[in-house]
């Protein structure tokens, strides 16, 4: 008499269950926890005669090294920028001067993706920490498949006349889906 091993019974049960479900595949989903990436002391040059110039814009870029994201085939993944937090550091006490802020991310291979497109709201309270949620989070998976990313910050408004700096903290989260 031949005895069945427990693994054979489990496999047979799984096979019968699959056939009963019309041969459907099993799908596994997992949320990737939120991660915050901070660049400290992003410095902008002051704009001499800023009061007379009116609203102007300034752009500053910084690069960050990261481990290349390599995923096995069959995994459908999204990595989205949920928002950004700006913290006033030197040369500014608050973000009252800011009218527009844009943040993009590029890996040097693909076109840059826009993470944040912010416009200030009239009458907003004065703050030295400005948290901006992404209105339409975009999938930045391709930008994580290289080992470096360049973030470009554009600020517009009545910019300070002296040099100033801020910290930029970008929050990312994702989802993994595997079909088998």
C-alpha atoms as a PDB file:
ATOM      1  CA  UNK A   1       0.000   0.000   0.000  1.00  0.00           C
ATOM      2  CA  UNK A   2       1.267   3.444  -0.951  1.00  0.00           C
ATOM      3  CA  UNK A   3       0.933   6.259   1.613  1.00  0.00           C
ATOM      4  CA  UNK A   4       0.427   9.874   0.679  1.00  0.00           C
ATOM      5  CA  UNK A   5       2.715  12.466   2.165  1.00  0.00           C
ATOM      6  CA  UNK A   6       1.081  15.558   3.731  1.00  0.00           C
ATOM      7  CA  UNK A   7       2.660  17.778   1.064  1.00  0.00           C
ATOM      8  CA  UNK A   8       1.003  15.674  -1.667  1.00  0.00           C
ATOM      9  CA  UNK A   9      -2.375  16.053   0.013  1.00  0.00           C
ATOM     10  CA  UNK A  10      -1.927  19.833   0.319  1.00  0.00           C
ATOM     11  CA  UNK A  11      -0.875  20.088  -3.338  1.00  0.00           C
ATOM     12  CA  UNK A  12      -3.851  18.014  -4.483  1.00  0.00           C
ATOM     13  CA  UNK A  13      -6.204  20.134  -2.384  1.00  0.00           C
ATOM     14  CA  UNK A  14      -4.739  23.325  -3.846  1.00  0.00           C
ATOM     15  CA  UNK A  15      -5.067  21.930  -7.383  1.00  0.00           C
ATOM     16  CA  UNK A  16      -8.722  20.978  -6.798  1.00  0.00           C
ATOM     17  CA  UNK A  17      -9.429  24.396  -5.310  1.00  0.00           C
ATOM     18  CA  UNK A  18      -7.842  26.082  -8.355  1.00  0.00           C
ATOM     19  CA  UNK A  19      -9.915  24.042 -10.774  1.00  0.00           C
ATOM     20  CA  UNK A  20     -13.084  24.796  -8.792  1.00  0.00           C
ATOM     21  CA  UNK A  21     -12.273  28.486  -9.037  1.00  0.00           C
ATOM     22  CA  UNK A  22     -12.056  28.207 -12.803  1.00  0.00           C
ATOM     23  CA  UNK A  23      -8.262  27.981 -12.914  1.00  0.00           C
ATOM     24  CA  UNK A  24      -7.859  31.467 -11.384  1.00  0.00           C
ATOM     25  CA  UNK A  25      -4.419  32.510 -10.287  1.00  0.00           C
ATOM     26  CA  UNK A  26      -3.526  33.531  -6.768  1.00  0.00           C
ATOM     27  CA  UNK A  27      -2.732  37.207  -6.249  1.00  0.00           C
ATOM     28  CA  UNK A  28      -0.683  38.538  -3.362  1.00  0.00           C
ATOM     29  CA  UNK A  29      -0.676  42.257  -2.503  1.00  0.00           C
ATOM     30  CA  UNK A  30       1.392  44.106   0.065  1.00  0.00           C
ATOM     31  CA  UNK A  31       1.602  47.768   0.994  1.00  0.00           C
ATOM     32  CA  UNK A  32       5.125  49.136   1.343  1.00  0.00           C
ATOM     33  CA  UNK A  33       5.391  51.322   4.457  1.00  0.00           C
ATOM     34  CA  UNK A  34       5.911  55.050   4.114  1.00  0.00           C
ATOM     35  CA  UNK A  35       9.529  56.201   3.849  1.00  0.00           C
ATOM     36  CA  UNK A  36      10.769  59.773   4.233  1.00  0.00           C
ATOM     37  CA  UNK A  37      13.882  60.968   2.407  1.00  0.00           C
ATOM     38  CA  UNK A  38      15.285  64.246   3.714  1.00  0.00           C
ATOM     39  CA  UNK A  39      17.810  66.592   2.160  1.00  0.00           C
ATOM     40  CA  UNK A  40      19.079  69.073   4.701  1.00  0.00           C
ATOM     41  CA  UNK A  41      20.115  72.652   4.042  1.00  0.00           C
ATOM     42  CA  UNK A  42      19.071  73.105   0.421  1.00  0.00           C
ATOM     43  CA  UNK A  43      20.451  76.618  -0.134  1.00  0.00           C
ATOM     44  CA  UNK A  44      19.046  79.273  -2.446  1.00  0.00           C
ATOM     45  CA  UNK A  45      20.902  82.443  -3.379  1.00  0.00           C
ATOM     46  CA  UNK A  46      19.243  85.632  -2.266  1.00  0.00           C
ATOM     47  CA  UNK A  47      17.713  87.951  -4.831  1.00  0.00           C
ATOM     48  CA  UNK A  48      19.234  91.454  -4.503  1.00  0.00           C
ATOM     49  CA  UNK A  49      16.659  94.199  -4.899  1.00  0.00           C
ATOM     50  CA  UNK A  50      13.975  91.555  -4.318  1.00  0.00           C
ATOM     51  CA  UNK A  51      11.438  94.119  -3.118  1.00  0.00           C
ATOM     52  CA  UNK A  52      11.768  96.098  -6.353  1.00  0.00           C
ATOM     53  CA  UNK A  53      11.826  92.995  -8.561  1.00  0.00           C
ATOM     54  CA  UNK A  54       8.453  91.664  -7.400  1.00  0.00           C
ATOM     55  CA  UNK A  55       7.773  87.951  -7.780  1.00  0.00           C
ATOM     56  CA  UNK A  56      10.717  85.945  -9.091  1.00  0.00           C
ATOM     57  CA  UNK A  57      11.642  82.265  -9.159  1.00  0.00           C
ATOM     58  CA  UNK A  58      14.726  80.288  -8.178  1.00  0.00           C
ATOM     59  CA  UNK A  59      15.630  76.663  -8.805  1.00  0.00           C
ATOM     60  CA  UNK A  60      17.954  74.403  -6.872  1.00  0.00           C
ATOM     61  CA  UNK A  61      18.764  70.730  -7.531  1.00  0.00           C
ATOM     62  CA  UNK A  62      20.302  68.075  -5.314  1.00  0.00           C
ATOM     63  CA  UNK A  63      21.139  64.442  -5.900  1.00  0.00           C
ATOM     64  CA  UNK A  64      20.775  61.495  -3.572  1.00  0.00           C
ATOM     65  CA  UNK A  65      22.384  58.106  -3.891  1.00  0.00           C
ATOM     66  CA  UNK A  66      20.216  55.102  -3.158  1.00  0.00           C
ATOM     67  CA  UNK A  67      20.287  51.392  -3.635  1.00  0.00           C
ATOM     68  CA  UNK A  68      19.028  50.389  -7.063  1.00  0.00           C
ATOM     69  CA  UNK A  69      15.593  48.782  -6.807  1.00  0.00           C
ATOM     70  CA  UNK A  70      15.684  45.419  -8.553  1.00  0.00           C
ATOM     71  CA  UNK A  71      12.510  43.358  -8.530  1.00  0.00           C
ATOM     72  CA  UNK A  72      11.837  39.826  -9.748  1.00  0.00           C
ATOM     73  CA  UNK A  73       9.728  39.389 -12.855  1.00  0.00           C
ATOM     74  CA  UNK A  74       6.025  39.032 -12.235  1.00  0.00           C
ATOM     75  CA  UNK A  75       5.961  41.698  -9.537  1.00  0.00           C
ATOM     76  CA  UNK A  76       3.835  44.741 -10.357  1.00  0.00           C
ATOM     77  CA  UNK A  77       5.024  47.598  -8.173  1.00  0.00           C
ATOM     78  CA  UNK A  78       4.178  51.243  -7.610  1.00  0.00           C
ATOM     79  CA  UNK A  79       6.198  53.772  -5.630  1.00  0.00           C
ATOM     80  CA  UNK A  80       4.438  57.107  -5.149  1.00  0.00           C
ATOM     81  CA  UNK A  81       5.484  60.417  -3.633  1.00  0.00           C
ATOM     82  CA  UNK A  82       2.772  61.218  -1.102  1.00  0.00           C
ATOM     83  CA  UNK A  83       3.952  64.695  -0.211  1.00  0.00           C
ATOM     84  CA  UNK A  84       6.763  66.945   0.904  1.00  0.00           C
ATOM     85  CA  UNK A  85       7.578  68.861   4.058  1.00  0.00           C
ATOM     86  CA  UNK A  86       9.652  72.039   3.820  1.00  0.00           C
ATOM     87  CA  UNK A  87      11.336  73.296   6.994  1.00  0.00           C
ATOM     88  CA  UNK A  88      12.782  76.839   7.140  1.00  0.00           C
ATOM     89  CA  UNK A  89      16.415  76.741   8.262  1.00  0.00           C
ATOM     90  CA  UNK A  90      18.537  79.857   7.757  1.00  0.00           C
ATOM     91  CA  UNK A  91      17.803  83.248   6.230  1.00  0.00           C
ATOM     92  CA  UNK A  92      14.020  82.787   6.516  1.00  0.00           C
ATOM     93  CA  UNK A  93      11.622  82.555   9.451  1.00  0.00           C
ATOM     94  CA  UNK A  94       8.604  81.289   7.513  1.00  0.00           C
ATOM     95  CA  UNK A  95       7.235  80.639   4.033  1.00  0.00           C
ATOM     96  CA  UNK A  96       5.022  83.734   3.764  1.00  0.00           C
ATOM     97  CA  UNK A  97       6.955  84.832   0.629  1.00  0.00           C
ATOM     98  CA  UNK A  98       6.199  81.593  -1.243  1.00  0.00           C
ATOM     99  CA  UNK A  99       3.527  81.601  -3.956  1.00  0.00           C
ATOM    100  CA  UNK A 100       4.513  78.586  -6.068  1.00  0.00           C
ATOM    101  CA  UNK A 101       6.648  75.519  -5.344  1.00  0.00           C
ATOM    102  CA  UNK A 102       7.365  72.633  -7.693  1.00  0.00           C
ATOM    103  CA  UNK A 103       9.363  69.488  -7.020  1.00  0.00           C
ATOM    104  CA  UNK A 104      10.525  67.055  -9.694  1.00  0.00           C
ATOM    105  CA  UNK A 105      12.519  63.821  -9.595  1.00  0.00           C
ATOM    106  CA  UNK A 106      14.762  62.465 -12.348  1.00  0.00           C
ATOM    107  CA  UNK A 107      16.997  59.427 -12.683  1.00  0.00           C
ATOM    108  CA  UNK A 108      18.936  60.814 -15.652  1.00  0.00           C
ATOM    109  CA  UNK A 109      17.432  58.152 -17.932  1.00  0.00           C
ATOM    110  CA  UNK A 110      13.706  58.934 -18.028  1.00  0.00           C
ATOM    111  CA  UNK A 111      12.003  62.331 -18.297  1.00  0.00           C
ATOM    112  CA  UNK A 112      11.648  64.060 -14.924  1.00  0.00           C
ATOM    113  CA  UNK A 113       8.399  63.394 -13.075  1.00  0.00           C
ATOM    114  CA  UNK A 114       6.606  66.137 -11.200  1.00  0.00           C
ATOM    115  CA  UNK A 115       6.033  65.147  -7.582  1.00  0.00           C
ATOM    116  CA  UNK A 116       4.538  68.373  -6.234  1.00  0.00           C
ATOM    117  CA  UNK A 117       2.897  71.413  -7.822  1.00  0.00           C
ATOM    118  CA  UNK A 118       1.931  73.802  -5.026  1.00  0.00           C
ATOM    119  CA  UNK A 119       0.265  77.205  -5.089  1.00  0.00           C
ATOM    120  CA  UNK A 120      -0.182  79.103  -1.861  1.00  0.00           C
ATOM    121  CA  UNK A 121      -3.645  79.869  -0.579  1.00  0.00           C
ATOM    122  CA  UNK A 122      -4.465  83.488   0.245  1.00  0.00           C
ATOM    123  CA  UNK A 123      -4.842  83.989   3.980  1.00  0.00           C
ATOM    124  CA  UNK A 124      -2.963  80.796   4.919  1.00  0.00           C
ATOM    125  CA  UNK A 125      -1.385  80.990   8.384  1.00  0.00           C
ATOM    126  CA  UNK A 126       2.301  81.840   8.674  1.00  0.00           C
ATOM    127  CA  UNK A 127       4.471  78.757   9.254  1.00  0.00           C
ATOM    128  CA  UNK A 128       8.107  77.689   9.309  1.00  0.00           C
ATOM    129  CA  UNK A 129       7.140  74.085   8.477  1.00  0.00           C
ATOM    130  CA  UNK A 130       5.088  73.690   5.304  1.00  0.00           C
ATOM    131  CA  UNK A 131       3.591  70.265   4.574  1.00  0.00           C
ATOM    132  CA  UNK A 132       2.237  69.778   1.059  1.00  0.00           C
ATOM    133  CA  UNK A 133       0.304  66.665   0.082  1.00  0.00           C
ATOM    134  CA  UNK A 134       0.576  65.404  -3.491  1.00  0.00           C
ATOM    135  CA  UNK A 135      -2.690  66.053  -5.322  1.00  0.00           C
ATOM    136  CA  UNK A 136      -2.001  63.322  -7.898  1.00  0.00           C
ATOM    137  CA  UNK A 137       0.738  60.921  -6.751  1.00  0.00           C
ATOM    138  CA  UNK A 138       2.676  59.544  -9.741  1.00  0.00           C
ATOM    139  CA  UNK A 139       4.457  56.220  -9.964  1.00  0.00           C
ATOM    140  CA  UNK A 140       8.203  56.837  -9.540  1.00  0.00           C
ATOM    141  CA  UNK A 141       9.251  53.188  -9.845  1.00  0.00           C
ATOM    142  CA  UNK A 142      11.493  53.813 -12.880  1.00  0.00           C
ATOM    143  CA  UNK A 143      13.397  56.531 -10.986  1.00  0.00           C
ATOM    144  CA  UNK A 144      14.227  54.002  -8.237  1.00  0.00           C
ATOM    145  CA  UNK A 145      15.682  51.482 -10.707  1.00  0.00           C
ATOM    146  CA  UNK A 146      18.903  53.516 -10.965  1.00  0.00           C
ATOM    147  CA  UNK A 147      21.348  54.258  -8.153  1.00  0.00           C
ATOM    148  CA  UNK A 148      20.856  58.018  -7.980  1.00  0.00           C
ATOM    149  CA  UNK A 149      18.010  60.503  -8.232  1.00  0.00           C
ATOM    150  CA  UNK A 150      18.071  64.238  -8.800  1.00  0.00           C
ATOM    151  CA  UNK A 151      15.405  66.324  -7.125  1.00  0.00           C
ATOM    152  CA  UNK A 152      14.762  69.827  -8.461  1.00  0.00           C
ATOM    153  CA  UNK A 153      13.004  72.406  -6.293  1.00  0.00           C
ATOM    154  CA  UNK A 154      11.572  75.554  -7.901  1.00  0.00           C
ATOM    155  CA  UNK A 155      10.330  78.323  -5.607  1.00  0.00           C
ATOM    156  CA  UNK A 156       8.532  81.463  -6.778  1.00  0.00           C
ATOM    157  CA  UNK A 157       7.237  84.532  -5.016  1.00  0.00           C
ATOM    158  CA  UNK A 158       8.761  87.552  -3.286  1.00  0.00           C
ATOM    159  CA  UNK A 159      11.995  85.648  -2.591  1.00  0.00           C
ATOM    160  CA  UNK A 160      14.344  86.819   0.180  1.00  0.00           C
ATOM    161  CA  UNK A 161      17.170  89.218  -0.696  1.00  0.00           C
ATOM    162  CA  UNK A 162      19.744  87.297   1.390  1.00  0.00           C
ATOM    163  CA  UNK A 163      20.771  83.630   0.963  1.00  0.00           C
ATOM    164  CA  UNK A 164      18.404  81.193   2.641  1.00  0.00           C
ATOM    165  CA  UNK A 165      18.051  77.462   3.177  1.00  0.00           C
ATOM    166  CA  UNK A 166      15.466  74.839   3.958  1.00  0.00           C
ATOM    167  CA  UNK A 167      15.175  71.102   4.546  1.00  0.00           C
ATOM    168  CA  UNK A 168      13.182  69.105   1.998  1.00  0.00           C
ATOM    169  CA  UNK A 169      11.601  65.844   3.190  1.00  0.00           C
ATOM    170  CA  UNK A 170       9.768  63.761   0.570  1.00  0.00           C
ATOM    171  CA  UNK A 171       7.445  60.957   1.691  1.00  0.00           C
ATOM    172  CA  UNK A 172       7.151  57.835  -0.478  1.00  0.00           C
ATOM    173  CA  UNK A 173       5.028  54.686  -0.151  1.00  0.00           C
ATOM    174  CA  UNK A 174       4.255  51.823  -2.473  1.00  0.00           C
ATOM    175  CA  UNK A 175       2.451  48.640  -3.266  1.00  0.00           C
ATOM    176  CA  UNK A 176       3.656  45.237  -4.460  1.00  0.00           C
ATOM    177  CA  UNK A 177       1.385  42.896  -6.413  1.00  0.00           C
ATOM    178  CA  UNK A 178       2.483  39.393  -7.364  1.00  0.00           C
ATOM    179  CA  UNK A 179       0.368  37.066  -9.495  1.00  0.00           C
ATOM    180  CA  UNK A 180       1.105  33.348  -9.584  1.00  0.00           C
END
